[in-house]
Amino acid sequence: MRAVRYDRYGPPEVLRTEQVPEPTPRPGQVLVRVAATSINLSDWECLRGRPAYARLGGLRRPLRTPVLGSDIAGWVEAVGPGVARFRAGDEVYGDNLALKGGFAEYAVAPEGALALKPAGLTFAQASSLPQAGAIAGHATSAVRPGDRVLINGAGGGSGMFAIQLASAAGAHVTGVDNAGKLDFMRSLGAADVIDYRAQDFTRTGPYDVIVDLVAHRSPFAYRRALTRGGRYGMVGGGVPTMIGVGTVGALAGLVTGRRLGILAVPSGPKHFEPVAQRCVDGDVAIRIDRSYPLRDVAEALTYVGSGRALGKVVVEIAS
């Protein structure tokens, strides 16, 4: 089978397409013939090995996951011993974060990471949901009508869903991203938009909820942007910011009546299927900016890593 592999951290040029043996599912695993894999910021981070936590799969070079791509959708090709929920031919999707392997014609995934694909979604649409949908659903689960919600990094995949979910909950949503995404964020339901290059969003507000998908500022800056009793949740960003939010930020928040912390997003079907159902029902839209063939994974990752993607980017592998 064809697979896009890498054996060292670096720019997209380190990727190469190779012919490799088709994987065999072990006990509890499912072999999926991949139809589509969406790109997440985590794929870009694991490719480059930055931030530092992206090297958990190997400090000097990637050891466990030489093929990136976790959000997969496709057909069950075979099942390993002990798998009871799926059989060959089933259409499935899921976040295969532990094993990855989605930038290939076949991938193995734990049975528990997968769900049956809704008939109302294409494979490309389904592949866009597992990680981004779970993040957005969890991050906005406590939003209430009338809340002032700010989403930093709102023009990407997770932000696309988070804007819509928060708006549907009755919140006044402010989206933050680069100037090229302002109209896109408005189209999703953001009442206000901010170009982070032109304005410091931590000096606006205050906000009841801040969802930070690309955190790089001081925890004290986040604190001043919150109302008393407000909540700040960091989903992604730099390691120094993560340490600051998890230590100084948490303590400062307790003293001032504001909650700052790292948002640990659970994975698995029960966390992304509710968002998928809302997409099927027409309550939430899936915006796919671009689709690429398998041979152009490097180009697709570059596009996402440059911050230009409006919503999701998908690699379509089989039809």
Protein backbone atom coordinates (compact mmCIF):
# COMPACT_ATOMS: atom_id res chain seq x y z
CA MET A 1 0.00 0.00 0.00
CA ARG A 2 0.99 3.65 -0.35
CA ALA A 3 1.79 5.60 2.80
CA VAL A 4 3.25 9.04 3.48
CA ARG A 5 5.99 8.51 6.05
CA TYR A 6 8.62 10.49 7.93
CA ASP A 7 11.61 9.38 9.99
CA ARG A 8 12.74 12.72 11.43
CA TYR A 9 11.18 15.93 12.61
CA GLY A 10 11.28 18.85 10.25
CA PRO A 11 9.49 20.70 7.46
CA PRO A 12 7.09 18.99 5.03
CA GLU A 13 10.04 18.13 2.79
CA VAL A 14 10.96 15.28 5.17
CA LEU A 15 7.80 13.43 4.11
CA ARG A 16 8.00 10.76 1.44
CA THR A 17 5.47 8.46 -0.22
CA GLU A 18 6.48 4.80 -0.01
CA GLN A 19 5.11 1.36 -0.73
CA VAL A 20 4.83 -0.48 2.60
CA PRO A 21 3.13 -3.70 3.74
CA GLU A 22 -0.54 -3.47 4.61
CA PRO A 23 -0.91 -3.53 8.42
CA THR A 24 -2.53 -6.47 10.21
CA PRO A 25 -5.04 -5.79 12.99
CA ARG A 26 -4.11 -7.13 16.40
CA PRO A 27 -6.62 -8.16 19.10
CA GLY A 28 -9.11 -5.35 19.64
CA GLN A 29 -8.05 -3.55 16.46
CA VAL A 30 -9.79 -2.79 13.18
CA LEU A 31 -8.16 -2.51 9.75
CA VAL A 32 -9.68 0.43 7.86
CA ARG A 33 -9.39 1.11 4.14
CA VAL A 34 -9.03 4.86 4.36
CA ALA A 35 -11.32 7.03 2.24
CA ALA A 36 -10.42 10.38 3.80
CA THR A 37 -8.25 11.82 6.56
CA SER A 38 -8.61 15.37 7.81
CA ILE A 39 -5.63 17.41 8.94
CA ASN A 40 -5.40 18.74 12.46
CA LEU A 41 -2.92 21.20 13.89
CA SER A 42 -1.57 18.28 15.91
CA ASP A 43 -0.37 16.66 12.65
CA TRP A 44 1.62 19.78 11.82
CA GLU A 45 3.08 19.89 15.34
CA CYS A 46 4.06 16.20 15.28
CA LEU A 47 5.71 16.64 11.89
CA ARG A 48 7.85 19.54 13.11
CA GLY A 49 8.37 18.22 16.64
CA ARG A 50 7.22 21.52 18.13
CA PRO A 51 5.94 22.31 20.74
CA ALA A 52 7.97 19.92 22.87
CA TYR A 53 4.98 17.77 23.81
CA ALA A 54 4.71 16.82 20.12
CA ARG A 55 7.78 14.62 20.68
CA LEU A 56 6.08 12.26 23.10
CA GLY A 57 6.26 9.61 20.37
CA GLY A 58 10.05 9.91 20.26
CA LEU A 59 12.41 12.54 21.62
CA ARG A 60 14.93 12.64 18.75
CA ARG A 61 12.82 11.16 15.97
CA PRO A 62 9.30 9.73 15.58
CA LEU A 63 9.40 6.12 16.74
CA ARG A 64 5.81 4.98 17.18
CA THR A 65 3.97 6.87 14.45
CA PRO A 66 5.97 7.18 11.19
CA VAL A 67 2.66 7.84 9.39
CA LEU A 68 0.66 10.85 10.59
CA GLY A 69 -3.08 11.47 10.31
CA SER A 70 -5.45 10.60 13.15
CA ASP A 71 -8.94 11.64 11.95
CA ILE A 72 -9.89 8.87 9.54
CA ALA A 73 -13.01 7.72 7.71
CA GLY A 74 -13.37 4.66 5.51
CA TRP A 75 -14.46 1.04 5.27
CA VAL A 76 -13.69 -1.83 7.62
CA GLU A 77 -11.41 -4.18 5.72
CA ALA A 78 -10.85 -6.73 8.51
CA VAL A 79 -11.10 -7.03 12.28
CA GLY A 80 -8.72 -8.47 14.83
CA PRO A 81 -9.59 -11.07 17.48
CA GLY A 82 -12.14 -9.90 20.03
CA VAL A 83 -13.69 -7.15 17.90
CA ALA A 84 -17.49 -7.41 18.11
CA ARG A 85 -18.86 -4.00 17.08
CA PHE A 86 -17.73 -3.96 13.46
CA ARG A 87 -17.48 -6.25 10.48
CA ALA A 88 -15.96 -6.02 7.01
CA GLY A 89 -17.70 -3.45 4.83
CA ASP A 90 -18.91 -1.19 7.65
CA GLU A 91 -18.41 2.54 7.05
CA VAL A 92 -16.60 3.99 10.06
CA TYR A 93 -14.85 7.13 11.28
CA GLY A 94 -12.90 8.16 14.36
CA ASP A 95 -9.90 9.84 15.96
CA ASN A 96 -7.06 7.34 15.82
CA LEU A 97 -4.83 9.56 17.96
CA ALA A 98 -2.88 6.75 19.61
CA LEU A 99 -1.82 4.94 16.42
CA LYS A 100 -2.39 7.55 13.70
CA GLY A 101 -1.58 6.17 10.23
CA GLY A 102 -4.30 8.02 8.31
CA PHE A 103 -2.04 9.30 5.51
CA ALA A 104 -2.03 5.86 3.94
CA GLU A 105 -4.36 3.57 2.04
CA TYR A 106 -4.93 1.38 5.11
CA ALA A 107 -4.72 2.08 8.84
CA VAL A 108 -5.30 0.06 12.00
CA ALA A 109 -7.28 1.61 14.85
CA PRO A 110 -8.54 0.44 18.24
CA GLU A 111 -12.16 -0.68 18.10
CA GLY A 112 -13.07 1.89 20.77
CA ALA A 113 -11.79 4.81 18.68
CA LEU A 114 -14.27 4.21 15.87
CA ALA A 115 -17.98 4.73 15.26
CA LEU A 116 -20.28 3.89 12.39
CA LYS A 117 -20.33 6.75 9.89
CA PRO A 118 -23.70 8.50 9.64
CA ALA A 119 -25.27 7.93 6.23
CA GLY A 120 -25.92 11.66 5.96
CA LEU A 121 -22.22 12.53 5.92
CA THR A 122 -19.66 11.98 3.20
CA PHE A 123 -16.37 10.36 4.14
CA ALA A 124 -14.64 13.73 3.82
CA GLN A 125 -17.17 15.36 6.14
CA ALA A 126 -16.97 12.52 8.65
CA SER A 127 -13.18 12.69 8.74
CA SER A 128 -13.37 16.37 9.69
CA LEU A 129 -15.29 15.70 12.89
CA PRO A 130 -13.65 13.38 15.44
CA GLN A 131 -10.91 15.54 16.94
CA ALA A 132 -12.20 19.01 16.08
CA GLY A 133 -15.77 18.13 17.04
CA ALA A 134 -14.75 16.65 20.38
CA ILE A 135 -12.64 19.70 21.21
CA ALA A 136 -15.38 22.16 20.25
CA GLY A 137 -18.11 20.21 22.02
CA HIS A 138 -16.14 19.92 25.25
CA ALA A 139 -14.91 23.52 25.18
CA THR A 140 -18.41 24.95 24.76
CA SER A 141 -20.33 22.49 26.93
CA ALA A 142 -20.71 24.96 29.82
CA VAL A 143 -21.71 27.95 27.67
CA ARG A 144 -25.03 29.50 28.68
CA PRO A 145 -27.40 31.95 26.99
CA GLY A 146 -26.10 35.49 27.29
CA ASP A 147 -22.48 34.48 27.92
CA ARG A 148 -19.78 36.53 26.24
CA VAL A 149 -17.52 33.93 24.65
CA LEU A 150 -14.17 34.54 22.96
CA ILE A 151 -12.56 31.84 20.81
CA ASN A 152 -8.92 32.36 19.89
CA GLY A 153 -7.95 30.52 16.70
CA ALA A 154 -11.61 30.44 15.69
CA GLY A 155 -11.05 30.24 11.94
CA GLY A 156 -9.63 26.71 11.94
CA GLY A 157 -11.25 23.30 12.28
CA SER A 158 -12.07 23.24 16.00
CA GLY A 159 -12.93 26.94 15.97
CA MET A 160 -15.34 26.41 13.10
CA PHE A 161 -17.42 24.06 15.24
CA ALA A 162 -16.92 26.03 18.48
CA ILE A 163 -18.31 29.26 17.00
CA GLN A 164 -21.45 27.51 15.83
CA LEU A 165 -22.01 25.55 19.05
CA ALA A 166 -21.51 28.60 21.28
CA SER A 167 -23.76 30.74 19.08
CA ALA A 168 -26.46 28.06 19.10
CA ALA A 169 -26.27 28.03 22.91
CA GLY A 170 -27.22 31.72 22.92
CA ALA A 171 -23.78 33.23 23.53
CA HIS A 172 -22.36 36.43 22.09
CA VAL A 173 -19.30 35.06 20.29
CA THR A 174 -16.11 36.90 19.44
CA GLY A 175 -13.79 35.09 17.03
CA VAL A 176 -10.06 35.79 16.92
CA ASP A 177 -7.80 34.86 14.00
CA ASN A 178 -5.87 36.50 11.18
CA ALA A 179 -7.37 39.10 8.86
CA GLY A 180 -7.98 36.57 6.10
CA LYS A 181 -10.49 34.72 8.28
CA LEU A 182 -12.67 37.56 9.60
CA ASP A 183 -15.46 37.17 7.06
CA PHE A 184 -15.35 33.39 7.46
CA MET A 185 -15.83 33.66 11.23
CA ARG A 186 -18.76 36.04 10.75
CA SER A 187 -20.37 33.54 8.35
CA LEU A 188 -20.24 30.91 11.10
CA GLY A 189 -22.08 33.12 13.59
CA ALA A 190 -19.41 35.21 15.32
CA ALA A 191 -20.98 38.52 16.38
CA ASP A 192 -17.58 40.20 16.66
CA VAL A 193 -14.24 39.36 15.07
CA ILE A 194 -10.67 40.39 15.90
CA ASP A 195 -7.52 40.26 13.79
CA TYR A 196 -4.95 39.20 16.37
CA ARG A 197 -2.18 40.92 14.41
CA ALA A 198 -3.92 44.28 14.71
CA GLN A 199 -5.50 44.08 18.18
CA ASP A 200 -4.69 42.42 21.49
CA PHE A 201 -7.84 40.51 22.38
CA THR A 202 -6.82 40.29 26.05
CA ARG A 203 -7.46 44.03 26.25
CA THR A 204 -11.03 43.65 25.02
CA GLY A 205 -14.03 42.14 26.75
CA PRO A 206 -14.36 41.16 29.52
CA TYR A 207 -15.56 37.65 28.64
CA ASP A 208 -17.38 34.95 30.58
CA VAL A 209 -15.65 32.16 28.63
CA ILE A 210 -12.38 32.14 26.67
CA VAL A 211 -11.50 29.09 24.57
CA ASP A 212 -7.86 29.33 23.49
CA LEU A 213 -6.87 26.99 20.68
CA VAL A 214 -3.48 28.66 20.08
CA ALA A 215 -2.34 30.06 23.43
CA HIS A 216 0.85 32.13 23.49
CA ARG A 217 0.22 34.93 26.01
CA SER A 218 0.78 35.52 29.70
CA PRO A 219 -1.76 34.02 32.12
CA PHE A 220 -2.12 37.48 33.63
CA ALA A 221 -3.24 38.80 30.25
CA TYR A 222 -5.89 36.10 30.05
CA ARG A 223 -7.01 36.85 33.60
CA ARG A 224 -7.65 40.51 32.86
CA ALA A 225 -9.83 39.54 29.89
CA LEU A 226 -12.20 37.51 32.09
CA THR A 227 -15.21 38.62 34.08
CA ARG A 228 -15.22 37.70 37.76
CA GLY A 229 -16.36 34.10 37.78
CA GLY A 230 -15.25 33.70 34.15
CA ARG A 231 -13.48 30.64 32.75
CA TYR A 232 -10.40 30.38 30.53
CA GLY A 233 -9.53 27.06 28.90
CA MET A 234 -6.29 26.44 27.02
CA VAL A 235 -6.56 23.72 24.37
CA GLY A 236 -3.36 24.22 22.37
CA GLY A 237 -0.29 26.44 22.29
CA GLY A 238 3.26 26.77 23.52
CA VAL A 239 4.78 24.89 26.43
CA PRO A 240 5.77 28.04 28.41
CA THR A 241 2.17 29.25 28.21
CA MET A 242 0.89 25.83 29.26
CA ILE A 243 3.16 25.84 32.32
CA GLY A 244 2.16 29.41 33.18
CA VAL A 245 -1.56 28.74 32.87
CA GLY A 246 -1.32 25.50 34.83
CA THR A 247 0.61 27.05 37.73
CA VAL A 248 0.65 30.82 38.14
CA GLY A 249 -2.55 31.27 36.16
CA ALA A 250 -4.49 28.76 38.20
CA LEU A 251 -3.38 30.33 41.49
CA ALA A 252 -4.01 33.89 40.30
CA GLY A 253 -7.41 32.84 39.07
CA LEU A 254 -8.37 31.40 42.43
CA VAL A 255 -7.39 34.60 44.20
CA THR A 256 -9.33 36.83 41.80
CA GLY A 257 -12.38 34.62 41.27
CA ARG A 258 -11.46 33.66 37.72
CA ARG A 259 -10.77 30.11 36.58
CA LEU A 260 -7.77 29.49 34.33
CA GLY A 261 -6.70 26.03 33.31
CA ILE A 262 -5.71 23.58 30.61
CA LEU A 263 -8.70 22.00 28.93
CA ALA A 264 -8.14 18.25 28.81
CA VAL A 265 -10.30 17.08 25.94
CA PRO A 266 -11.46 13.45 26.11
CA SER A 267 -11.49 11.42 22.92
CA GLY A 268 -13.75 8.68 21.62
CA PRO A 269 -17.10 8.36 19.83
CA LYS A 270 -19.25 9.52 22.73
CA HIS A 271 -17.47 12.88 22.56
CA PHE A 272 -17.67 13.50 18.80
CA GLU A 273 -20.91 11.70 17.83
CA PRO A 274 -23.19 14.38 19.37
CA VAL A 275 -21.55 17.05 17.17
CA ALA A 276 -21.77 14.74 14.16
CA GLN A 277 -25.51 14.29 14.76
CA ARG A 278 -25.98 18.05 14.85
CA CYS A 279 -24.23 18.22 11.50
CA VAL A 280 -26.54 15.55 10.11
CA ASP A 281 -29.54 17.46 11.48
CA GLY A 282 -28.35 20.64 9.80
CA ASP A 283 -27.77 22.59 13.02
CA VAL A 284 -24.00 22.78 12.48
CA ALA A 285 -22.22 23.19 9.14
CA ILE A 286 -18.99 21.49 8.09
CA ARG A 287 -16.78 23.77 6.03
CA ILE A 288 -14.07 21.98 4.05
CA ASP A 289 -11.69 24.54 2.62
CA ARG A 290 -9.63 22.26 0.37
CA SER A 291 -9.15 18.59 -0.48
CA TYR A 292 -5.86 17.04 -1.56
CA PRO A 293 -4.85 13.62 -2.93
CA LEU A 294 -2.51 11.41 -0.91
CA ARG A 295 0.53 12.43 -2.96
CA ASP A 296 0.05 16.05 -1.85
CA VAL A 297 0.00 15.53 1.93
CA ALA A 298 3.05 17.78 2.31
CA GLU A 299 1.27 20.62 0.51
CA ALA A 300 -1.88 20.09 2.60
CA LEU A 301 0.09 20.19 5.86
CA THR A 302 1.90 23.34 4.75
CA TYR A 303 -1.42 25.02 4.03
CA VAL A 304 -2.77 24.19 7.49
CA GLY A 305 0.49 25.03 9.24
CA SER A 306 0.62 28.45 7.59
CA GLY A 307 -2.69 29.38 9.25
CA ARG A 308 -4.54 29.96 5.98
CA ALA A 309 -7.12 27.17 6.18
CA LEU A 310 -10.74 28.26 6.58
CA GLY A 311 -12.23 25.38 8.54
CA LYS A 312 -10.99 21.89 7.66
CA VAL A 313 -8.56 20.51 5.10
CA VAL A 314 -9.03 16.91 3.96
CA VAL A 315 -6.82 14.35 2.22
CA GLU A 316 -9.01 12.12 0.07
CA ILE A 317 -7.43 8.73 -0.49
CA ALA A 318 -10.04 6.34 -1.90
CA SER A 319 -13.51 6.72 -3.38
